[in-house]
Amino acid sequence: MSLSHGKIDLLAEISQSPRILSEVDVALKAKQLKNDVDEYLKLIASLDALMDAKDPTTRLEVVVKQLCKHGYVQAARKCLKQLH
């Protein structure tokens, strides 16, 4: 089934309400993921703000610095490799 022509509403799952975990913090802390998720969300927020930059080179430099700052060195290297 193709979903590209508005047929997503034909999926059986669309009629089911999503299961919402009310104690998300507790679940994340139990799995020792809370800090990682918080850092990831901060990183995404800072990267989203960069998308408004006019100069692509400046934008890339800031993205790579942010990736490295948050421990995503491999992702930063991948970004740089794709440019060369």
PDB file of N, CA and C in Angstrom:
ATOM      1  N   MET A   1       0.847  -1.182   0.000  1.00  0.00           N
ATOM      2  CA  MET A   1       0.000   0.000   0.000  1.00  0.00           C
ATOM      3  C   MET A   1       0.887   1.238   0.000  1.00  0.00           C
ATOM      4  N   SER A   2       0.607   2.136  -0.866  1.00  0.00           N
ATOM      5  CA  SER A   2       1.368   3.383  -0.945  1.00  0.00           C
ATOM      6  C   SER A   2       0.785   4.402   0.024  1.00  0.00           C
ATOM      7  N   LEU A   3       1.671   5.049   0.743  1.00  0.00           N
ATOM      8  CA  LEU A   3       1.235   6.074   1.691  1.00  0.00           C
ATOM      9  C   LEU A   3       1.428   7.474   1.131  1.00  0.00           C
ATOM     10  N   SER A   4       1.929   7.549  -0.099  1.00  0.00           N
ATOM     11  CA  SER A   4       2.262   8.857  -0.651  1.00  0.00           C
ATOM     12  C   SER A   4       1.054   9.615  -1.194  1.00  0.00           C
ATOM     13  N   HIS A   5      -0.085   8.989  -1.300  1.00  0.00           N
ATOM     14  CA  HIS A   5      -1.255   9.663  -1.863  1.00  0.00           C
ATOM     15  C   HIS A   5      -2.395   9.772  -0.854  1.00  0.00           C
ATOM     16  N   GLY A   6      -2.054  10.048   0.404  1.00  0.00           N
ATOM     17  CA  GLY A   6      -3.080  10.282   1.414  1.00  0.00           C
ATOM     18  C   GLY A   6      -3.803   9.039   1.889  1.00  0.00           C
ATOM     19  N   LYS A   7      -3.193   7.877   1.743  1.00  0.00           N
ATOM     20  CA  LYS A   7      -3.852   6.642   2.150  1.00  0.00           C
ATOM     21  C   LYS A   7      -3.461   6.207   3.555  1.00  0.00           C
ATOM     22  N   ILE A   8      -2.749   7.062   4.245  1.00  0.00           N
ATOM     23  CA  ILE A   8      -2.320   6.702   5.598  1.00  0.00           C
ATOM     24  C   ILE A   8      -3.528   6.498   6.513  1.00  0.00           C
ATOM     25  N   ASP A   9      -4.608   7.206   6.248  1.00  0.00           N
ATOM     26  CA  ASP A   9      -5.795   7.062   7.084  1.00  0.00           C
ATOM     27  C   ASP A   9      -6.484   5.716   6.885  1.00  0.00           C
ATOM     28  N   LEU A  10      -6.043   4.927   5.916  1.00  0.00           N
ATOM     29  CA  LEU A  10      -6.594   3.598   5.699  1.00  0.00           C
ATOM     30  C   LEU A  10      -5.905   2.531   6.557  1.00  0.00           C
ATOM     31  N   LEU A  11      -4.803   2.890   7.187  1.00  0.00           N
ATOM     32  CA  LEU A  11      -4.108   1.944   8.052  1.00  0.00           C
ATOM     33  C   LEU A  11      -4.948   1.663   9.295  1.00  0.00           C
ATOM     34  N   ALA A  12      -4.951   0.405   9.714  1.00  0.00           N
ATOM     35  CA  ALA A  12      -5.734   0.018  10.899  1.00  0.00           C
ATOM     36  C   ALA A  12      -5.264   0.754  12.148  1.00  0.00           C
ATOM     37  N   GLU A  13      -3.950   0.999  12.231  1.00  0.00           N
ATOM     38  CA  GLU A  13      -3.377   1.632  13.418  1.00  0.00           C
ATOM     39  C   GLU A  13      -3.855   3.071  13.613  1.00  0.00           C
ATOM     40  N   ILE A  14      -4.328   3.703  12.576  1.00  0.00           N
ATOM     41  CA  ILE A  14      -4.720   5.104  12.664  1.00  0.00           C
ATOM     42  C   ILE A  14      -5.934   5.285  13.590  1.00  0.00           C
ATOM     43  N   SER A  15      -6.728   4.240  13.757  1.00  0.00           N
ATOM     44  CA  SER A  15      -7.922   4.342  14.601  1.00  0.00           C
ATOM     45  C   SER A  15      -7.615   4.083  16.079  1.00  0.00           C
ATOM     46  N   GLN A  16      -6.403   3.641  16.372  1.00  0.00           N
ATOM     47  CA  GLN A  16      -6.027   3.355  17.756  1.00  0.00           C
ATOM     48  C   GLN A  16      -5.384   4.581  18.393  1.00  0.00           C
ATOM     49  N   SER A  17      -5.786   4.853  19.604  1.00  0.00           N
ATOM     50  CA  SER A  17      -5.151   5.953  20.337  1.00  0.00           C
ATOM     51  C   SER A  17      -3.745   5.525  20.733  1.00  0.00           C
ATOM     52  N   PRO A  18      -2.792   6.459  20.683  1.00  0.00           N
ATOM     53  CA  PRO A  18      -1.428   6.096  21.078  1.00  0.00           C
ATOM     54  C   PRO A  18      -1.332   5.823  22.572  1.00  0.00           C
ATOM     55  N   ARG A  19      -0.477   4.904  22.927  1.00  0.00           N
ATOM     56  CA  ARG A  19      -0.245   4.598  24.336  1.00  0.00           C
ATOM     57  C   ARG A  19       0.713   5.658  24.874  1.00  0.00           C
ATOM     58  N   ILE A  20       0.279   6.371  25.874  1.00  0.00           N
ATOM     59  CA  ILE A  20       1.098   7.446  26.438  1.00  0.00           C
ATOM     60  C   ILE A  20       1.569   7.029  27.819  1.00  0.00           C
ATOM     61  N   LEU A  21       2.872   7.082  27.977  1.00  0.00           N
ATOM     62  CA  LEU A  21       3.465   6.735  29.258  1.00  0.00           C
ATOM     63  C   LEU A  21       3.451   7.975  30.141  1.00  0.00           C
ATOM     64  N   SER A  22       2.707   7.938  31.229  1.00  0.00           N
ATOM     65  CA  SER A  22       2.556   9.132  32.056  1.00  0.00           C
ATOM     66  C   SER A  22       3.813   9.452  32.854  1.00  0.00           C
ATOM     67  N   GLU A  23       4.583   8.476  33.202  1.00  0.00           N
ATOM     68  CA  GLU A  23       5.801   8.685  33.992  1.00  0.00           C
ATOM     69  C   GLU A  23       7.034   8.515  33.108  1.00  0.00           C
ATOM     70  N   VAL A  24       7.140   9.355  32.096  1.00  0.00           N
ATOM     71  CA  VAL A  24       8.247   9.248  31.145  1.00  0.00           C
ATOM     72  C   VAL A  24       9.589   9.420  31.851  1.00  0.00           C
ATOM     73  N   ASP A  25       9.698  10.411  32.728  1.00  0.00           N
ATOM     74  CA  ASP A  25      10.951  10.640  33.449  1.00  0.00           C
ATOM     75  C   ASP A  25      11.391   9.406  34.225  1.00  0.00           C
ATOM     76  N   VAL A  26      10.445   8.778  34.906  1.00  0.00           N
ATOM     77  CA  VAL A  26      10.764   7.596  35.714  1.00  0.00           C
ATOM     78  C   VAL A  26      11.273   6.471  34.811  1.00  0.00           C
ATOM     79  N   ALA A  27      10.610   6.262  33.681  1.00  0.00           N
ATOM     80  CA  ALA A  27      11.022   5.206  32.766  1.00  0.00           C
ATOM     81  C   ALA A  27      12.411   5.483  32.193  1.00  0.00           C
ATOM     82  N   LEU A  28      12.668   6.729  31.821  1.00  0.00           N
ATOM     83  CA  LEU A  28      13.976   7.082  31.270  1.00  0.00           C
ATOM     84  C   LEU A  28      15.080   6.959  32.322  1.00  0.00           C
ATOM     85  N   LYS A  29      14.775   7.373  33.542  1.00  0.00           N
ATOM     86  CA  LYS A  29      15.767   7.255  34.614  1.00  0.00           C
ATOM     87  C   LYS A  29      16.051   5.794  34.925  1.00  0.00           C
ATOM     88  N   ALA A  30      15.023   4.951  34.917  1.00  0.00           N
ATOM     89  CA  ALA A  30      15.201   3.526  35.202  1.00  0.00           C
ATOM     90  C   ALA A  30      16.115   2.876  34.173  1.00  0.00           C
ATOM     91  N   LYS A  31      16.029   3.316  32.958  1.00  0.00           N
ATOM     92  CA  LYS A  31      16.869   2.766  31.880  1.00  0.00           C
ATOM     93  C   LYS A  31      18.169   3.555  31.725  1.00  0.00           C
ATOM     94  N   GLN A  32      18.385   4.526  32.601  1.00  0.00           N
ATOM     95  CA  GLN A  32      19.567   5.391  32.574  1.00  0.00           C
ATOM     96  C   GLN A  32      19.709   6.101  31.223  1.00  0.00           C
ATOM     97  N   LEU A  33      18.600   6.605  30.715  1.00  0.00           N
ATOM     98  CA  LEU A  33      18.586   7.296  29.429  1.00  0.00           C
ATOM     99  C   LEU A  33      18.228   8.771  29.528  1.00  0.00           C
ATOM    100  N   LYS A  34      17.770   9.206  30.670  1.00  0.00           N
ATOM    101  CA  LYS A  34      17.265  10.574  30.789  1.00  0.00           C
ATOM    102  C   LYS A  34      18.292  11.623  30.383  1.00  0.00           C
ATOM    103  N   ASN A  35      19.513  11.525  30.885  1.00  0.00           N
ATOM    104  CA  ASN A  35      20.528  12.522  30.532  1.00  0.00           C
ATOM    105  C   ASN A  35      20.823  12.518  29.044  1.00  0.00           C
ATOM    106  N   ASP A  36      20.917  11.323  28.450  1.00  0.00           N
ATOM    107  CA  ASP A  36      21.180  11.229  27.009  1.00  0.00           C
ATOM    108  C   ASP A  36      20.049  11.852  26.195  1.00  0.00           C
ATOM    109  N   VAL A  37      18.822  11.579  26.584  1.00  0.00           N
ATOM    110  CA  VAL A  37      17.670  12.133  25.864  1.00  0.00           C
ATOM    111  C   VAL A  37      17.634  13.656  26.024  1.00  0.00           C
ATOM    112  N   ASP A  38      17.873  14.147  27.226  1.00  0.00           N
ATOM    113  CA  ASP A  38      17.895  15.599  27.459  1.00  0.00           C
ATOM    114  C   ASP A  38      18.969  16.274  26.615  1.00  0.00           C
ATOM    115  N   GLU A  39      20.161  15.697  26.575  1.00  0.00           N
ATOM    116  CA  GLU A  39      21.246  16.267  25.775  1.00  0.00           C
ATOM    117  C   GLU A  39      20.904  16.246  24.291  1.00  0.00           C
ATOM    118  N   TYR A  40      20.302  15.152  23.848  1.00  0.00           N
ATOM    119  CA  TYR A  40      19.910  15.045  22.438  1.00  0.00           C
ATOM    120  C   TYR A  40      18.884  16.122  22.083  1.00  0.00           C
ATOM    121  N   LEU A  41      17.900  16.316  22.942  1.00  0.00           N
ATOM    122  CA  LEU A  41      16.870  17.325  22.684  1.00  0.00           C
ATOM    123  C   LEU A  41      17.455  18.733  22.673  1.00  0.00           C
ATOM    124  N   LYS A  42      18.417  19.002  23.558  1.00  0.00           N
ATOM    125  CA  LYS A  42      19.090  20.299  23.551  1.00  0.00           C
ATOM    126  C   LYS A  42      19.859  20.494  22.250  1.00  0.00           C
ATOM    127  N   LEU A  43      20.532  19.436  21.812  1.00  0.00           N
ATOM    128  CA  LEU A  43      21.300  19.500  20.569  1.00  0.00           C
ATOM    129  C   LEU A  43      20.387  19.775  19.385  1.00  0.00           C
ATOM    130  N   ILE A  44      19.281  19.065  19.296  1.00  0.00           N
ATOM    131  CA  ILE A  44      18.334  19.248  18.192  1.00  0.00           C
ATOM    132  C   ILE A  44      17.784  20.670  18.206  1.00  0.00           C
ATOM    133  N   ALA A  45      17.456  21.185  19.372  1.00  0.00           N
ATOM    134  CA  ALA A  45      16.927  22.549  19.467  1.00  0.00           C
ATOM    135  C   ALA A  45      17.949  23.560  18.976  1.00  0.00           C
ATOM    136  N   SER A  46      19.222  23.360  19.355  1.00  0.00           N
ATOM    137  CA  SER A  46      20.239  24.317  18.916  1.00  0.00           C
ATOM    138  C   SER A  46      20.499  24.187  17.419  1.00  0.00           C
ATOM    139  N   LEU A  47      20.411  22.988  16.889  1.00  0.00           N
ATOM    140  CA  LEU A  47      20.620  22.798  15.450  1.00  0.00           C
ATOM    141  C   LEU A  47      19.455  23.358  14.647  1.00  0.00           C
ATOM    142  N   ASP A  48      18.253  23.227  15.159  1.00  0.00           N
ATOM    143  CA  ASP A  48      17.083  23.795  14.474  1.00  0.00           C
ATOM    144  C   ASP A  48      17.214  25.308  14.330  1.00  0.00           C
ATOM    145  N   ALA A  49      17.726  25.956  15.362  1.00  0.00           N
ATOM    146  CA  ALA A  49      17.894  27.404  15.315  1.00  0.00           C
ATOM    147  C   ALA A  49      18.911  27.802  14.250  1.00  0.00           C
ATOM    148  N   LEU A  50      19.857  26.941  13.977  1.00  0.00           N
ATOM    149  CA  LEU A  50      20.890  27.244  12.984  1.00  0.00           C
ATOM    150  C   LEU A  50      20.373  27.221  11.550  1.00  0.00           C
ATOM    151  N   MET A  51      19.302  26.524  11.320  1.00  0.00           N
ATOM    152  CA  MET A  51      18.790  26.375   9.958  1.00  0.00           C
ATOM    153  C   MET A  51      18.352  27.713   9.367  1.00  0.00           C
ATOM    154  N   ASP A  52      18.188  28.708  10.206  1.00  0.00           N
ATOM    155  CA  ASP A  52      17.809  30.031   9.715  1.00  0.00           C
ATOM    156  C   ASP A  52      19.009  30.848   9.248  1.00  0.00           C
ATOM    157  N   ALA A  53      20.217  30.353   9.492  1.00  0.00           N
ATOM    158  CA  ALA A  53      21.416  31.092   9.081  1.00  0.00           C
ATOM    159  C   ALA A  53      21.467  31.203   7.560  1.00  0.00           C
ATOM    160  N   LYS A  54      21.890  32.355   7.090  1.00  0.00           N
ATOM    161  CA  LYS A  54      21.937  32.616   5.643  1.00  0.00           C
ATOM    162  C   LYS A  54      23.124  31.932   4.971  1.00  0.00           C
ATOM    163  N   ASP A  55      24.277  31.942   5.622  1.00  0.00           N
ATOM    164  CA  ASP A  55      25.502  31.426   5.030  1.00  0.00           C
ATOM    165  C   ASP A  55      25.665  29.932   5.337  1.00  0.00           C
ATOM    166  N   PRO A  56      25.632  29.069   4.311  1.00  0.00           N
ATOM    167  CA  PRO A  56      25.747  27.623   4.543  1.00  0.00           C
ATOM    168  C   PRO A  56      27.060  27.213   5.203  1.00  0.00           C
ATOM    169  N   THR A  57      28.153  27.911   4.894  1.00  0.00           N
ATOM    170  CA  THR A  57      29.440  27.559   5.493  1.00  0.00           C
ATOM    171  C   THR A  57      29.421  27.821   6.988  1.00  0.00           C
ATOM    172  N   THR A  58      28.903  28.966   7.377  1.00  0.00           N
ATOM    173  CA  THR A  58      28.794  29.295   8.801  1.00  0.00           C
ATOM    174  C   THR A  58      27.892  28.294   9.499  1.00  0.00           C
ATOM    175  N   ARG A  59      26.789  27.970   8.854  1.00  0.00           N
ATOM    176  CA  ARG A  59      25.838  27.018   9.427  1.00  0.00           C
ATOM    177  C   ARG A  59      26.520  25.673   9.655  1.00  0.00           C
ATOM    178  N   LEU A  60      27.272  25.191   8.678  1.00  0.00           N
ATOM    179  CA  LEU A  60      27.952  23.904   8.809  1.00  0.00           C
ATOM    180  C   LEU A  60      28.987  23.932   9.927  1.00  0.00           C
ATOM    181  N   GLU A  61      29.755  25.012  10.005  1.00  0.00           N
ATOM    182  CA  GLU A  61      30.769  25.123  11.053  1.00  0.00           C
ATOM    183  C   GLU A  61      30.134  25.046  12.437  1.00  0.00           C
ATOM    184  N   VAL A  62      29.028  25.734  12.603  1.00  0.00           N
ATOM    185  CA  VAL A  62      28.357  25.735  13.902  1.00  0.00           C
ATOM    186  C   VAL A  62      27.766  24.354  14.204  1.00  0.00           C
ATOM    187  N   VAL A  63      27.209  23.712  13.197  1.00  0.00           N
ATOM    188  CA  VAL A  63      26.645  22.367  13.381  1.00  0.00           C
ATOM    189  C   VAL A  63      27.734  21.397  13.815  1.00  0.00           C
ATOM    190  N   VAL A  64      28.870  21.420  13.126  1.00  0.00           N
ATOM    191  CA  VAL A  64      29.969  20.516  13.463  1.00  0.00           C
ATOM    192  C   VAL A  64      30.471  20.789  14.882  1.00  0.00           C
ATOM    193  N   LYS A  65      30.604  22.063  15.262  1.00  0.00           N
ATOM    194  CA  LYS A  65      31.033  22.400  16.617  1.00  0.00           C
ATOM    195  C   LYS A  65      30.040  21.888  17.652  1.00  0.00           C
ATOM    196  N   GLN A  66      28.751  22.047  17.372  1.00  0.00           N
ATOM    197  CA  GLN A  66      27.726  21.573  18.307  1.00  0.00           C
ATOM    198  C   GLN A  66      27.755  20.053  18.432  1.00  0.00           C
ATOM    199  N   LEU A  67      27.924  19.370  17.319  1.00  0.00           N
ATOM    200  CA  LEU A  67      27.998  17.907  17.359  1.00  0.00           C
ATOM    201  C   LEU A  67      29.172  17.459  18.228  1.00  0.00           C
ATOM    202  N   CYS A  68      30.328  18.070  18.019  1.00  0.00           N
ATOM    203  CA  CYS A  68      31.510  17.717  18.813  1.00  0.00           C
ATOM    204  C   CYS A  68      31.309  18.049  20.286  1.00  0.00           C
ATOM    205  N   LYS A  69      30.734  19.210  20.555  1.00  0.00           N
ATOM    206  CA  LYS A  69      30.506  19.652  21.934  1.00  0.00           C
ATOM    207  C   LYS A  69      29.644  18.651  22.699  1.00  0.00           C
ATOM    208  N   HIS A  70      28.681  18.066  22.010  1.00  0.00           N
ATOM    209  CA  HIS A  70      27.760  17.142  22.670  1.00  0.00           C
ATOM    210  C   HIS A  70      28.179  15.680  22.529  1.00  0.00           C
ATOM    211  N   GLY A  71      29.409  15.464  22.066  1.00  0.00           N
ATOM    212  CA  GLY A  71      29.929  14.097  22.020  1.00  0.00           C
ATOM    213  C   GLY A  71      29.595  13.315  20.764  1.00  0.00           C
ATOM    214  N   TYR A  72      29.099  13.981  19.749  1.00  0.00           N
ATOM    215  CA  TYR A  72      28.747  13.297  18.507  1.00  0.00           C
ATOM    216  C   TYR A  72      29.851  13.506  17.470  1.00  0.00           C
ATOM    217  N   VAL A  73      31.061  13.086  17.838  1.00  0.00           N
ATOM    218  CA  VAL A  73      32.224  13.319  16.988  1.00  0.00           C
ATOM    219  C   VAL A  73      32.105  12.551  15.675  1.00  0.00           C
ATOM    220  N   GLN A  74      31.629  11.324  15.738  1.00  0.00           N
ATOM    221  CA  GLN A  74      31.481  10.538  14.501  1.00  0.00           C
ATOM    222  C   GLN A  74      30.490  11.194  13.553  1.00  0.00           C
ATOM    223  N   ALA A  75      29.415  11.735  14.084  1.00  0.00           N
ATOM    224  CA  ALA A  75      28.432  12.422  13.236  1.00  0.00           C
ATOM    225  C   ALA A  75      29.047  13.665  12.614  1.00  0.00           C
ATOM    226  N   ALA A  76      29.881  14.380  13.375  1.00  0.00           N
ATOM    227  CA  ALA A  76      30.558  15.568  12.832  1.00  0.00           C
ATOM    228  C   ALA A  76      31.492  15.174  11.707  1.00  0.00           C
ATOM    229  N   ARG A  77      32.235  14.106  11.888  1.00  0.00           N
ATOM    230  CA  ARG A  77      33.146  13.623  10.838  1.00  0.00           C
ATOM    231  C   ARG A  77      32.367  13.238   9.588  1.00  0.00           C
ATOM    232  N   LYS A  78      31.233  12.599   9.789  1.00  0.00           N
ATOM    233  CA  LYS A  78      30.407  12.193   8.638  1.00  0.00           C
ATOM    234  C   LYS A  78      29.926  13.411   7.858  1.00  0.00           C
ATOM    235  N   CYS A  79      29.511  14.454   8.571  1.00  0.00           N
ATOM    236  CA  CYS A  79      29.091  15.698   7.907  1.00  0.00           C
ATOM    237  C   CYS A  79      30.218  16.260   7.052  1.00  0.00           C
ATOM    238  N   LEU A  80      31.405  16.290   7.624  1.00  0.00           N
ATOM    239  CA  LEU A  80      32.551  16.860   6.912  1.00  0.00           C
ATOM    240  C   LEU A  80      32.946  16.004   5.711  1.00  0.00           C
ATOM    241  N   LYS A  81      32.875  14.682   5.852  1.00  0.00           N
ATOM    242  CA  LYS A  81      33.212  13.795   4.732  1.00  0.00           C
ATOM    243  C   LYS A  81      32.270  13.983   3.559  1.00  0.00           C
ATOM    244  N   GLN A  82      31.007  14.205   3.835  1.00  0.00           N
ATOM    245  CA  GLN A  82      30.031  14.366   2.764  1.00  0.00           C
ATOM    246  C   GLN A  82      30.269  15.626   1.950  1.00  0.00           C
ATOM    247  N   LEU A  83      30.968  16.590   2.537  1.00  0.00           N
ATOM    248  CA  LEU A  83      31.251  17.824   1.818  1.00  0.00           C
ATOM    249  C   LEU A  83      32.444  17.688   0.874  1.00  0.00           C
ATOM    250  N   HIS A  84      33.329  16.751   1.177  1.00  0.00           N
ATOM    251  CA  HIS A  84      34.557  16.640   0.385  1.00  0.00           C
ATOM    252  C   HIS A  84      34.494  15.524  -0.608  1.00  0.00           C
TER     253      HIS A  84
END
